[in-house]
């Protein structure tokens, strides 16, 4: 049985975590979009004339590899928060069903 205190905590957490998940999503989208800018910056630094050589230079550059780690971090953070919010919502849904079933039995 899910008690009322658990539901209160789940509802409170959903309300309190909204700004945090919004920030995490913004960081994730920014990191992904910045990847394109970083690629262009690094390609411009390359002295090669062939486009594929400049692209290879950009993708193999330590700055790009470090940025890919940053993308990984932002996605992981967002997905953890999203999963926690989903779990809280599912708990509330289960409690609603449980409460409706209990009311049905009482009548």
PDB file of N, CA and C in Angstrom:
ATOM      1  N   UNK A   1       0.837  -1.183   0.000  1.00  0.00           N
ATOM      2  CA  UNK A   1       0.000   0.000   0.000  1.00  0.00           C
ATOM      3  C   UNK A   1       0.884   1.250   0.000  1.00  0.00           C
ATOM      4  N   UNK A   2       0.489   2.189  -0.783  1.00  0.00           N
ATOM      5  CA  UNK A   2       1.188   3.474  -0.840  1.00  0.00           C
ATOM      6  C   UNK A   2       0.476   4.410   0.131  1.00  0.00           C
ATOM      7  N   UNK A   3       1.219   4.966   1.076  1.00  0.00           N
ATOM      8  CA  UNK A   3       0.561   5.831   2.060  1.00  0.00           C
ATOM      9  C   UNK A   3       0.539   7.286   1.591  1.00  0.00           C
ATOM     10  N   UNK A   4      -0.261   8.085   2.280  1.00  0.00           N
ATOM     11  CA  UNK A   4      -0.460   9.488   1.900  1.00  0.00           C
ATOM     12  C   UNK A   4       0.832  10.300   1.990  1.00  0.00           C
ATOM     13  N   UNK A   5       1.693   9.982   2.949  1.00  0.00           N
ATOM     14  CA  UNK A   5       2.962  10.709   3.095  1.00  0.00           C
ATOM     15  C   UNK A   5       3.840  10.518   1.852  1.00  0.00           C
ATOM     16  N   UNK A   6       3.861   9.290   1.338  1.00  0.00           N
ATOM     17  CA  UNK A   6       4.644   9.018   0.121  1.00  0.00           C
ATOM     18  C   UNK A   6       4.129   9.844  -1.049  1.00  0.00           C
ATOM     19  N   UNK A   7       2.825   9.937  -1.147  1.00  0.00           N
ATOM     20  CA  UNK A   7       2.219  10.698  -2.238  1.00  0.00           C
ATOM     21  C   UNK A   7       2.506  12.184  -2.074  1.00  0.00           C
ATOM     22  N   UNK A   8       2.424  12.674  -0.857  1.00  0.00           N
ATOM     23  CA  UNK A   8       2.753  14.080  -0.605  1.00  0.00           C
ATOM     24  C   UNK A   8       4.189  14.378  -1.030  1.00  0.00           C
ATOM     25  N   UNK A   9       5.110  13.465  -0.678  1.00  0.00           N
ATOM     26  CA  UNK A   9       6.515  13.651  -1.076  1.00  0.00           C
ATOM     27  C   UNK A   9       6.660  13.621  -2.600  1.00  0.00           C
ATOM     28  N   UNK A  10       5.945  12.710  -3.261  1.00  0.00           N
ATOM     29  CA  UNK A  10       6.033  12.605  -4.727  1.00  0.00           C
ATOM     30  C   UNK A  10       5.500  13.867  -5.394  1.00  0.00           C
ATOM     31  N   UNK A  11       4.364  14.366  -4.913  1.00  0.00           N
ATOM     32  CA  UNK A  11       3.780  15.593  -5.485  1.00  0.00           C
ATOM     33  C   UNK A  11       4.701  16.780  -5.222  1.00  0.00           C
ATOM     34  N   UNK A  12       5.220  16.882  -4.002  1.00  0.00           N
ATOM     35  CA  UNK A  12       6.143  17.970  -3.673  1.00  0.00           C
ATOM     36  C   UNK A  12       7.372  17.913  -4.567  1.00  0.00           C
ATOM     37  N   UNK A  13       7.932  16.702  -4.736  1.00  0.00           N
ATOM     38  CA  UNK A  13       9.134  16.567  -5.557  1.00  0.00           C
ATOM     39  C   UNK A  13       8.862  16.950  -7.005  1.00  0.00           C
ATOM     40  N   UNK A  14       7.709  16.549  -7.537  1.00  0.00           N
ATOM     41  CA  UNK A  14       7.365  16.929  -8.915  1.00  0.00           C
ATOM     42  C   UNK A  14       7.326  18.449  -9.059  1.00  0.00           C
ATOM     43  N   UNK A  15       6.710  19.113  -8.105  1.00  0.00           N
ATOM     44  CA  UNK A  15       6.615  20.569  -8.159  1.00  0.00           C
ATOM     45  C   UNK A  15       7.982  21.226  -8.025  1.00  0.00           C
ATOM     46  N   UNK A  16       8.799  20.725  -7.097  1.00  0.00           N
ATOM     47  CA  UNK A  16      10.102  21.329  -6.839  1.00  0.00           C
ATOM     48  C   UNK A  16      11.130  21.051  -7.927  1.00  0.00           C
ATOM     49  N   UNK A  17      11.001  19.929  -8.613  1.00  0.00           N
ATOM     50  CA  UNK A  17      12.022  19.544  -9.592  1.00  0.00           C
ATOM     51  C   UNK A  17      11.783  20.123 -10.978  1.00  0.00           C
ATOM     52  N   UNK A  18      10.662  20.784 -11.185  1.00  0.00           N
ATOM     53  CA  UNK A  18      10.361  21.327 -12.521  1.00  0.00           C
ATOM     54  C   UNK A  18      11.459  22.269 -13.027  1.00  0.00           C
ATOM     55  N   UNK A  19      11.911  23.239 -12.230  1.00  0.00           N
ATOM     56  CA  UNK A  19      12.988  24.107 -12.726  1.00  0.00           C
ATOM     57  C   UNK A  19      14.290  23.346 -12.986  1.00  0.00           C
ATOM     58  N   UNK A  20      14.559  22.362 -12.142  1.00  0.00           N
ATOM     59  CA  UNK A  20      15.798  21.585 -12.277  1.00  0.00           C
ATOM     60  C   UNK A  20      15.791  20.786 -13.585  1.00  0.00           C
ATOM     61  N   UNK A  21      14.679  20.170 -13.930  1.00  0.00           N
ATOM     62  CA  UNK A  21      14.637  19.388 -15.169  1.00  0.00           C
ATOM     63  C   UNK A  21      14.640  20.317 -16.381  1.00  0.00           C
ATOM     64  N   UNK A  22      14.039  21.490 -16.248  1.00  0.00           N
ATOM     65  CA  UNK A  22      14.078  22.461 -17.349  1.00  0.00           C
ATOM     66  C   UNK A  22      15.515  22.910 -17.611  1.00  0.00           C
ATOM     67  N   UNK A  23      16.241  23.174 -16.533  1.00  0.00           N
ATOM     68  CA  UNK A  23      17.657  23.565 -16.662  1.00  0.00           C
ATOM     69  C   UNK A  23      18.479  22.442 -17.276  1.00  0.00           C
ATOM     70  N   UNK A  24      18.225  21.219 -16.842  1.00  0.00           N
ATOM     71  CA  UNK A  24      18.958  20.071 -17.381  1.00  0.00           C
ATOM     72  C   UNK A  24      18.680  19.907 -18.877  1.00  0.00           C
ATOM     73  N   UNK A  25      17.439  20.093 -19.277  1.00  0.00           N
ATOM     74  CA  UNK A  25      17.094  19.986 -20.708  1.00  0.00           C
ATOM     75  C   UNK A  25      17.770  21.098 -21.503  1.00  0.00           C
ATOM     76  N   UNK A  26      17.771  22.299 -20.960  1.00  0.00           N
ATOM     77  CA  UNK A  26      18.419  23.424 -21.644  1.00  0.00           C
ATOM     78  C   UNK A  26      19.914  23.163 -21.819  1.00  0.00           C
ATOM     79  N   UNK A  27      20.562  22.651 -20.784  1.00  0.00           N
ATOM     80  CA  UNK A  27      21.989  22.316 -20.878  1.00  0.00           C
ATOM     81  C   UNK A  27      22.235  21.241 -21.925  1.00  0.00           C
ATOM     82  N   UNK A  28      21.364  20.244 -21.963  1.00  0.00           N
ATOM     83  CA  UNK A  28      21.518  19.148 -22.913  1.00  0.00           C
ATOM     84  C   UNK A  28      21.370  19.651 -24.354  1.00  0.00           C
ATOM     85  N   UNK A  29      20.353  20.452 -24.600  1.00  0.00           N
ATOM     86  CA  UNK A  29      20.129  20.976 -25.953  1.00  0.00           C
ATOM     87  C   UNK A  29      21.272  21.904 -26.353  1.00  0.00           C
ATOM     88  N   UNK A  30      21.705  22.765 -25.433  1.00  0.00           N
ATOM     89  CA  UNK A  30      22.811  23.672 -25.738  1.00  0.00           C
ATOM     90  C   UNK A  30      24.074  22.891 -26.088  1.00  0.00           C
ATOM     91  N   UNK A  31      24.391  21.885 -25.285  1.00  0.00           N
ATOM     92  CA  UNK A  31      25.604  21.093 -25.539  1.00  0.00           C
ATOM     93  C   UNK A  31      25.535  20.426 -26.905  1.00  0.00           C
ATOM     94  N   UNK A  32      24.377  19.915 -27.253  1.00  0.00           N
ATOM     95  CA  UNK A  32      24.230  19.266 -28.550  1.00  0.00           C
ATOM     96  C   UNK A  32      24.367  20.272 -29.698  1.00  0.00           C
ATOM     97  N   UNK A  33      23.759  21.428 -29.544  1.00  0.00           N
ATOM     98  CA  UNK A  33      23.857  22.456 -30.594  1.00  0.00           C
ATOM     99  C   UNK A  33      25.269  23.036 -30.682  1.00  0.00           C
ATOM    100  N   UNK A  34      25.927  23.201 -29.543  1.00  0.00           N
ATOM    101  CA  UNK A  34      27.286  23.748 -29.538  1.00  0.00           C
ATOM    102  C   UNK A  34      28.262  22.821 -30.253  1.00  0.00           C
ATOM    103  N   UNK A  35      27.958  21.531 -30.245  1.00  0.00           N
ATOM    104  CA  UNK A  35      28.800  20.563 -30.948  1.00  0.00           C
ATOM    105  C   UNK A  35      28.988  20.976 -32.414  1.00  0.00           C
ATOM    106  N   UNK A  36      27.943  21.482 -33.040  1.00  0.00           N
ATOM    107  CA  UNK A  36      28.020  21.915 -34.439  1.00  0.00           C
ATOM    108  C   UNK A  36      28.933  23.134 -34.585  1.00  0.00           C
ATOM    109  N   UNK A  37      28.809  24.064 -33.648  1.00  0.00           N
ATOM    110  CA  UNK A  37      29.675  25.244 -33.684  1.00  0.00           C
ATOM    111  C   UNK A  37      31.125  24.861 -33.450  1.00  0.00           C
ATOM    112  N   UNK A  38      31.349  23.981 -32.494  1.00  0.00           N
ATOM    113  CA  UNK A  38      32.709  23.538 -32.202  1.00  0.00           C
ATOM    114  C   UNK A  38      33.328  22.852 -33.413  1.00  0.00           C
ATOM    115  N   UNK A  39      32.548  22.055 -34.095  1.00  0.00           N
ATOM    116  CA  UNK A  39      33.051  21.399 -35.305  1.00  0.00           C
ATOM    117  C   UNK A  39      33.482  22.447 -36.331  1.00  0.00           C
ATOM    118  N   UNK A  40      32.667  23.449 -36.541  1.00  0.00           N
ATOM    119  CA  UNK A  40      32.999  24.509 -37.502  1.00  0.00           C
ATOM    120  C   UNK A  40      34.254  25.266 -37.076  1.00  0.00           C
ATOM    121  N   UNK A  41      34.370  25.567 -35.791  1.00  0.00           N
ATOM    122  CA  UNK A  41      35.545  26.282 -35.275  1.00  0.00           C
ATOM    123  C   UNK A  41      36.807  25.457 -35.498  1.00  0.00           C
ATOM    124  N   UNK A  42      36.722  24.178 -35.167  1.00  0.00           N
ATOM    125  CA  UNK A  42      37.896  23.312 -35.311  1.00  0.00           C
ATOM    126  C   UNK A  42      38.243  23.085 -36.783  1.00  0.00           C
ATOM    127  N   UNK A  43      37.242  22.959 -37.630  1.00  0.00           N
ATOM    128  CA  UNK A  43      37.517  22.798 -39.064  1.00  0.00           C
ATOM    129  C   UNK A  43      38.226  24.034 -39.613  1.00  0.00           C
ATOM    130  N   UNK A  44      37.843  25.202 -39.110  1.00  0.00           N
ATOM    131  CA  UNK A  44      38.478  26.448 -39.566  1.00  0.00           C
ATOM    132  C   UNK A  44      39.934  26.528 -39.112  1.00  0.00           C
ATOM    133  N   UNK A  45      40.266  25.887 -37.996  1.00  0.00           N
ATOM    134  CA  UNK A  45      41.647  25.881 -37.495  1.00  0.00           C
ATOM    135  C   UNK A  45      42.561  24.966 -38.305  1.00  0.00           C
ATOM    136  N   UNK A  46      41.972  24.035 -39.024  1.00  0.00           N
ATOM    137  CA  UNK A  46      42.766  23.051 -39.760  1.00  0.00           C
ATOM    138  C   UNK A  46      43.367  23.685 -41.015  1.00  0.00           C
ATOM    139  N   UNK A  47      44.607  23.318 -41.317  1.00  0.00           N
ATOM    140  CA  UNK A  47      45.302  23.868 -42.473  1.00  0.00           C
ATOM    141  C   UNK A  47      45.047  23.080 -43.760  1.00  0.00           C
ATOM    142  N   UNK A  48      44.378  21.966 -43.653  1.00  0.00           N
ATOM    143  CA  UNK A  48      44.089  21.137 -44.834  1.00  0.00           C
ATOM    144  C   UNK A  48      43.068  21.843 -45.730  1.00  0.00           C
ATOM    145  N   UNK A  49      43.129  21.540 -47.018  1.00  0.00           N
ATOM    146  CA  UNK A  49      42.164  22.140 -47.946  1.00  0.00           C
ATOM    147  C   UNK A  49      40.977  21.224 -48.206  1.00  0.00           C
ATOM    148  N   UNK A  50      41.178  19.935 -48.096  1.00  0.00           N
ATOM    149  CA  UNK A  50      40.090  18.987 -48.342  1.00  0.00           C
ATOM    150  C   UNK A  50      39.104  19.005 -47.164  1.00  0.00           C
ATOM    151  N   UNK A  51      37.824  19.070 -47.489  1.00  0.00           N
ATOM    152  CA  UNK A  51      36.785  19.155 -46.459  1.00  0.00           C
ATOM    153  C   UNK A  51      36.792  17.934 -45.546  1.00  0.00           C
ATOM    154  N   UNK A  52      36.981  16.747 -46.144  1.00  0.00           N
ATOM    155  CA  UNK A  52      36.958  15.546 -45.306  1.00  0.00           C
ATOM    156  C   UNK A  52      38.148  15.509 -44.342  1.00  0.00           C
ATOM    157  N   UNK A  53      39.277  16.061 -44.728  1.00  0.00           N
ATOM    158  CA  UNK A  53      40.447  16.122 -43.835  1.00  0.00           C
ATOM    159  C   UNK A  53      40.187  17.097 -42.688  1.00  0.00           C
ATOM    160  N   UNK A  54      39.523  18.228 -42.987  1.00  0.00           N
ATOM    161  CA  UNK A  54      39.183  19.201 -41.936  1.00  0.00           C
ATOM    162  C   UNK A  54      38.152  18.612 -40.971  1.00  0.00           C
ATOM    163  N   UNK A  55      37.211  17.872 -41.524  1.00  0.00           N
ATOM    164  CA  UNK A  55      36.191  17.248 -40.679  1.00  0.00           C
ATOM    165  C   UNK A  55      36.826  16.185 -39.772  1.00  0.00           C
ATOM    166  N   UNK A  56      37.726  15.395 -40.343  1.00  0.00           N
ATOM    167  CA  UNK A  56      38.419  14.374 -39.550  1.00  0.00           C
ATOM    168  C   UNK A  56      39.225  15.036 -38.431  1.00  0.00           C
ATOM    169  N   UNK A  57      39.887  16.140 -38.757  1.00  0.00           N
ATOM    170  CA  UNK A  57      40.644  16.901 -37.765  1.00  0.00           C
ATOM    171  C   UNK A  57      39.724  17.351 -36.628  1.00  0.00           C
ATOM    172  N   UNK A  58      38.562  17.873 -36.985  1.00  0.00           N
ATOM    173  CA  UNK A  58      37.618  18.387 -35.976  1.00  0.00           C
ATOM    174  C   UNK A  58      37.111  17.266 -35.073  1.00  0.00           C
ATOM    175  N   UNK A  59      36.704  16.156 -35.670  1.00  0.00           N
ATOM    176  CA  UNK A  59      36.148  15.058 -34.871  1.00  0.00           C
ATOM    177  C   UNK A  59      37.198  14.384 -33.985  1.00  0.00           C
ATOM    178  N   UNK A  60      38.454  14.399 -34.388  1.00  0.00           N
ATOM    179  CA  UNK A  60      39.517  13.757 -33.612  1.00  0.00           C
ATOM    180  C   UNK A  60      40.170  14.712 -32.606  1.00  0.00           C
ATOM    181  N   UNK A  61      39.815  15.977 -32.658  1.00  0.00           N
ATOM    182  CA  UNK A  61      40.439  16.982 -31.805  1.00  0.00           C
ATOM    183  C   UNK A  61      40.077  16.747 -30.334  1.00  0.00           C
ATOM    184  N   UNK A  62      41.039  16.933 -29.427  1.00  0.00           N
ATOM    185  CA  UNK A  62      40.761  16.760 -27.993  1.00  0.00           C
ATOM    186  C   UNK A  62      39.612  17.631 -27.469  1.00  0.00           C
ATOM    187  N   UNK A  63      39.452  18.824 -28.036  1.00  0.00           N
ATOM    188  CA  UNK A  63      38.337  19.681 -27.614  1.00  0.00           C
ATOM    189  C   UNK A  63      36.996  19.045 -27.960  1.00  0.00           C
ATOM    190  N   UNK A  64      36.926  18.406 -29.131  1.00  0.00           N
ATOM    191  CA  UNK A  64      35.691  17.739 -29.538  1.00  0.00           C
ATOM    192  C   UNK A  64      35.432  16.534 -28.636  1.00  0.00           C
ATOM    193  N   UNK A  65      36.467  15.769 -28.353  1.00  0.00           N
ATOM    194  CA  UNK A  65      36.305  14.598 -27.497  1.00  0.00           C
ATOM    195  C   UNK A  65      35.867  15.007 -26.090  1.00  0.00           C
ATOM    196  N   UNK A  66      36.422  16.099 -25.589  1.00  0.00           N
ATOM    197  CA  UNK A  66      36.014  16.603 -24.276  1.00  0.00           C
ATOM    198  C   UNK A  66      34.558  17.074 -24.313  1.00  0.00           C
ATOM    199  N   UNK A  67      34.189  17.704 -25.410  1.00  0.00           N
ATOM    200  CA  UNK A  67      32.808  18.176 -25.515  1.00  0.00           C
ATOM    201  C   UNK A  67      31.835  17.009 -25.604  1.00  0.00           C
ATOM    202  N   UNK A  68      32.222  15.943 -26.247  1.00  0.00           N
ATOM    203  CA  UNK A  68      31.363  14.760 -26.306  1.00  0.00           C
ATOM    204  C   UNK A  68      31.130  14.200 -24.906  1.00  0.00           C
ATOM    205  N   UNK A  69      32.128  14.277 -24.043  1.00  0.00           N
ATOM    206  CA  UNK A  69      31.952  13.871 -22.652  1.00  0.00           C
ATOM    207  C   UNK A  69      30.953  14.794 -21.946  1.00  0.00           C
ATOM    208  N   UNK A  70      30.997  16.076 -22.283  1.00  0.00           N
ATOM    209  CA  UNK A  70      30.047  17.035 -21.706  1.00  0.00           C
ATOM    210  C   UNK A  70      28.622  16.720 -22.185  1.00  0.00           C
ATOM    211  N   UNK A  71      28.471  16.363 -23.443  1.00  0.00           N
ATOM    212  CA  UNK A  71      27.153  15.965 -23.950  1.00  0.00           C
ATOM    213  C   UNK A  71      26.661  14.743 -23.187  1.00  0.00           C
ATOM    214  N   UNK A  72      27.540  13.788 -22.991  1.00  0.00           N
ATOM    215  CA  UNK A  72      27.178  12.581 -22.237  1.00  0.00           C
ATOM    216  C   UNK A  72      26.703  12.952 -20.837  1.00  0.00           C
ATOM    217  N   UNK A  73      27.415  13.852 -20.172  1.00  0.00           N
ATOM    218  CA  UNK A  73      27.053  14.270 -18.818  1.00  0.00           C
ATOM    219  C   UNK A  73      25.682  14.933 -18.790  1.00  0.00           C
ATOM    220  N   UNK A  74      25.420  15.825 -19.747  1.00  0.00           N
ATOM    221  CA  UNK A  74      24.142  16.542 -19.748  1.00  0.00           C
ATOM    222  C   UNK A  74      22.975  15.613 -20.059  1.00  0.00           C
ATOM    223  N   UNK A  75      23.172  14.684 -20.970  1.00  0.00           N
ATOM    224  CA  UNK A  75      22.105  13.723 -21.293  1.00  0.00           C
ATOM    225  C   UNK A  75      21.823  12.831 -20.094  1.00  0.00           C
ATOM    226  N   UNK A  76      22.865  12.352 -19.449  1.00  0.00           N
ATOM    227  CA  UNK A  76      22.701  11.498 -18.281  1.00  0.00           C
ATOM    228  C   UNK A  76      21.941  12.226 -17.176  1.00  0.00           C
ATOM    229  N   UNK A  77      22.305  13.461 -16.912  1.00  0.00           N
ATOM    230  CA  UNK A  77      21.636  14.259 -15.881  1.00  0.00           C
ATOM    231  C   UNK A  77      20.157  14.443 -16.219  1.00  0.00           C
ATOM    232  N   UNK A  78      19.862  14.820 -17.454  1.00  0.00           N
ATOM    233  CA  UNK A  78      18.469  15.019 -17.856  1.00  0.00           C
ATOM    234  C   UNK A  78      17.676  13.723 -17.757  1.00  0.00           C
ATOM    235  N   UNK A  79      18.235  12.636 -18.254  1.00  0.00           N
ATOM    236  CA  UNK A  79      17.506  11.362 -18.254  1.00  0.00           C
ATOM    237  C   UNK A  79      17.260  10.846 -16.838  1.00  0.00           C
ATOM    238  N   UNK A  80      18.195  11.081 -15.924  1.00  0.00           N
ATOM    239  CA  UNK A  80      17.975  10.680 -14.533  1.00  0.00           C
ATOM    240  C   UNK A  80      16.806  11.453 -13.934  1.00  0.00           C
ATOM    241  N   UNK A  81      16.793  12.758 -14.157  1.00  0.00           N
ATOM    242  CA  UNK A  81      15.692  13.576 -13.636  1.00  0.00           C
ATOM    243  C   UNK A  81      14.365  13.185 -14.273  1.00  0.00           C
ATOM    244  N   UNK A  82      14.371  12.937 -15.565  1.00  0.00           N
ATOM    245  CA  UNK A  82      13.154  12.547 -16.268  1.00  0.00           C
ATOM    246  C   UNK A  82      12.625  11.221 -15.717  1.00  0.00           C
ATOM    247  N   UNK A  83      13.520  10.276 -15.481  1.00  0.00           N
ATOM    248  CA  UNK A  83      13.113   8.975 -14.944  1.00  0.00           C
ATOM    249  C   UNK A  83      12.562   9.121 -13.522  1.00  0.00           C
ATOM    250  N   UNK A  84      13.175   9.985 -12.722  1.00  0.00           N
ATOM    251  CA  UNK A  84      12.681  10.211 -11.360  1.00  0.00           C
ATOM    252  C   UNK A  84      11.296  10.843 -11.380  1.00  0.00           C
ATOM    253  N   UNK A  85      11.083  11.790 -12.293  1.00  0.00           N
ATOM    254  CA  UNK A  85       9.763  12.420 -12.416  1.00  0.00           C
ATOM    255  C   UNK A  85       8.732  11.402 -12.890  1.00  0.00           C
ATOM    256  N   UNK A  86       9.122  10.569 -13.826  1.00  0.00           N
ATOM    257  CA  UNK A  86       8.209   9.540 -14.316  1.00  0.00           C
ATOM    258  C   UNK A  86       7.848   8.565 -13.196  1.00  0.00           C
ATOM    259  N   UNK A  87       8.825   8.178 -12.390  1.00  0.00           N
ATOM    260  CA  UNK A  87       8.564   7.268 -11.279  1.00  0.00           C
ATOM    261  C   UNK A  87       7.611   7.907 -10.264  1.00  0.00           C
ATOM    262  N   UNK A  88       7.792   9.174  -9.969  1.00  0.00           N
ATOM    263  CA  UNK A  88       6.897   9.867  -9.037  1.00  0.00           C
ATOM    264  C   UNK A  88       5.482   9.925  -9.605  1.00  0.00           C
ATOM    265  N   UNK A  89       5.371  10.216 -10.890  1.00  0.00           N
ATOM    266  CA  UNK A  89       4.053  10.259 -11.532  1.00  0.00           C
ATOM    267  C   UNK A  89       3.383   8.887 -11.519  1.00  0.00           C
ATOM    268  N   UNK A  90       4.174   7.842 -11.766  1.00  0.00           N
ATOM    269  CA  UNK A  90       3.624   6.490 -11.749  1.00  0.00           C
ATOM    270  C   UNK A  90       3.155   6.113 -10.343  1.00  0.00           C
ATOM    271  N   UNK A  91       3.894   6.534  -9.330  1.00  0.00           N
ATOM    272  CA  UNK A  91       3.505   6.253  -7.942  1.00  0.00           C
ATOM    273  C   UNK A  91       2.172   6.933  -7.637  1.00  0.00           C
ATOM    274  N   UNK A  92       2.026   8.178  -8.086  1.00  0.00           N
ATOM    275  CA  UNK A  92       0.772   8.902  -7.868  1.00  0.00           C
ATOM    276  C   UNK A  92      -0.372   8.198  -8.602  1.00  0.00           C
ATOM    277  N   UNK A  93      -0.118   7.758  -9.825  1.00  0.00           N
ATOM    278  CA  UNK A  93      -1.140   7.032 -10.582  1.00  0.00           C
ATOM    279  C   UNK A  93      -1.546   5.733  -9.904  1.00  0.00           C
ATOM    280  N   UNK A  94      -0.574   5.016  -9.374  1.00  0.00           N
ATOM    281  CA  UNK A  94      -0.876   3.765  -8.667  1.00  0.00           C
ATOM    282  C   UNK A  94      -1.689   4.054  -7.416  1.00  0.00           C
ATOM    283  N   UNK A  95      -1.347   5.117  -6.704  1.00  0.00           N
ATOM    284  CA  UNK A  95      -2.093   5.506  -5.504  1.00  0.00           C
ATOM    285  C   UNK A  95      -3.530   5.872  -5.862  1.00  0.00           C
ATOM    286  N   UNK A  96      -3.715   6.592  -6.990  1.00  0.00           N
ATOM    287  CA  UNK A  96      -5.068   6.940  -7.417  1.00  0.00           C
ATOM    288  C   UNK A  96      -5.892   5.681  -7.688  1.00  0.00           C
ATOM    289  N   UNK A  97      -5.294   4.718  -8.369  1.00  0.00           N
ATOM    290  CA  UNK A  97      -5.982   3.459  -8.650  1.00  0.00           C
ATOM    291  C   UNK A  97      -6.292   2.722  -7.353  1.00  0.00           C
ATOM    292  N   UNK A  98      -5.315   2.665  -6.487  1.00  0.00           N
ATOM    293  CA  UNK A  98      -5.479   2.003  -5.192  1.00  0.00           C
ATOM    294  C   UNK A  98      -6.618   2.664  -4.404  1.00  0.00           C
ATOM    295  N   UNK A  99      -6.650   3.989  -4.404  1.00  0.00           N
ATOM    296  CA  UNK A  99      -7.685   4.715  -3.676  1.00  0.00           C
ATOM    297  C   UNK A  99      -9.065   4.472  -4.284  1.00  0.00           C
ATOM    298  N   UNK A 100      -9.143   4.461  -5.609  1.00  0.00           N
ATOM    299  CA  UNK A 100     -10.420   4.203  -6.276  1.00  0.00           C
ATOM    300  C   UNK A 100     -10.909   2.790  -5.975  1.00  0.00           C
ATOM    301  N   UNK A 101     -10.004   1.817  -5.990  1.00  0.00           N
ATOM    302  CA  UNK A 101     -10.382   0.447  -5.673  1.00  0.00           C
ATOM    303  C   UNK A 101     -10.874   0.336  -4.229  1.00  0.00           C
ATOM    304  N   UNK A 102     -10.203   1.029  -3.318  1.00  0.00           N
ATOM    305  CA  UNK A 102     -10.600   0.999  -1.926  1.00  0.00           C
ATOM    306  C   UNK A 102     -11.990   1.607  -1.742  1.00  0.00           C
ATOM    307  N   UNK A 103     -12.236   2.737  -2.430  1.00  0.00           N
ATOM    308  CA  UNK A 103     -13.562   3.363  -2.359  1.00  0.00           C
ATOM    309  C   UNK A 103     -14.628   2.444  -2.933  1.00  0.00           C
ATOM    310  N   UNK A 104     -14.280   1.704  -3.978  1.00  0.00           N
ATOM    311  CA  UNK A 104     -15.227   0.766  -4.584  1.00  0.00           C
ATOM    312  C   UNK A 104     -15.591  -0.365  -3.644  1.00  0.00           C
ATOM    313  N   UNK A 105     -14.648  -0.797  -2.844  1.00  0.00           N
ATOM    314  CA  UNK A 105     -14.883  -1.881  -1.897  1.00  0.00           C
ATOM    315  C   UNK A 105     -15.744  -1.392  -0.732  1.00  0.00           C
ATOM    316  N   UNK A 106     -15.516  -0.148  -0.285  1.00  0.00           N
ATOM    317  CA  UNK A 106     -16.235   0.416   0.852  1.00  0.00           C
ATOM    318  C   UNK A 106     -17.720   0.597   0.579  1.00  0.00           C
ATOM    319  N   UNK A 107     -18.057   0.886  -0.665  1.00  0.00           N
ATOM    320  CA  UNK A 107     -19.456   1.212  -0.999  1.00  0.00           C
ATOM    321  C   UNK A 107     -20.336   0.018  -0.974  1.00  0.00           C
TER     322      UNK A 107
END
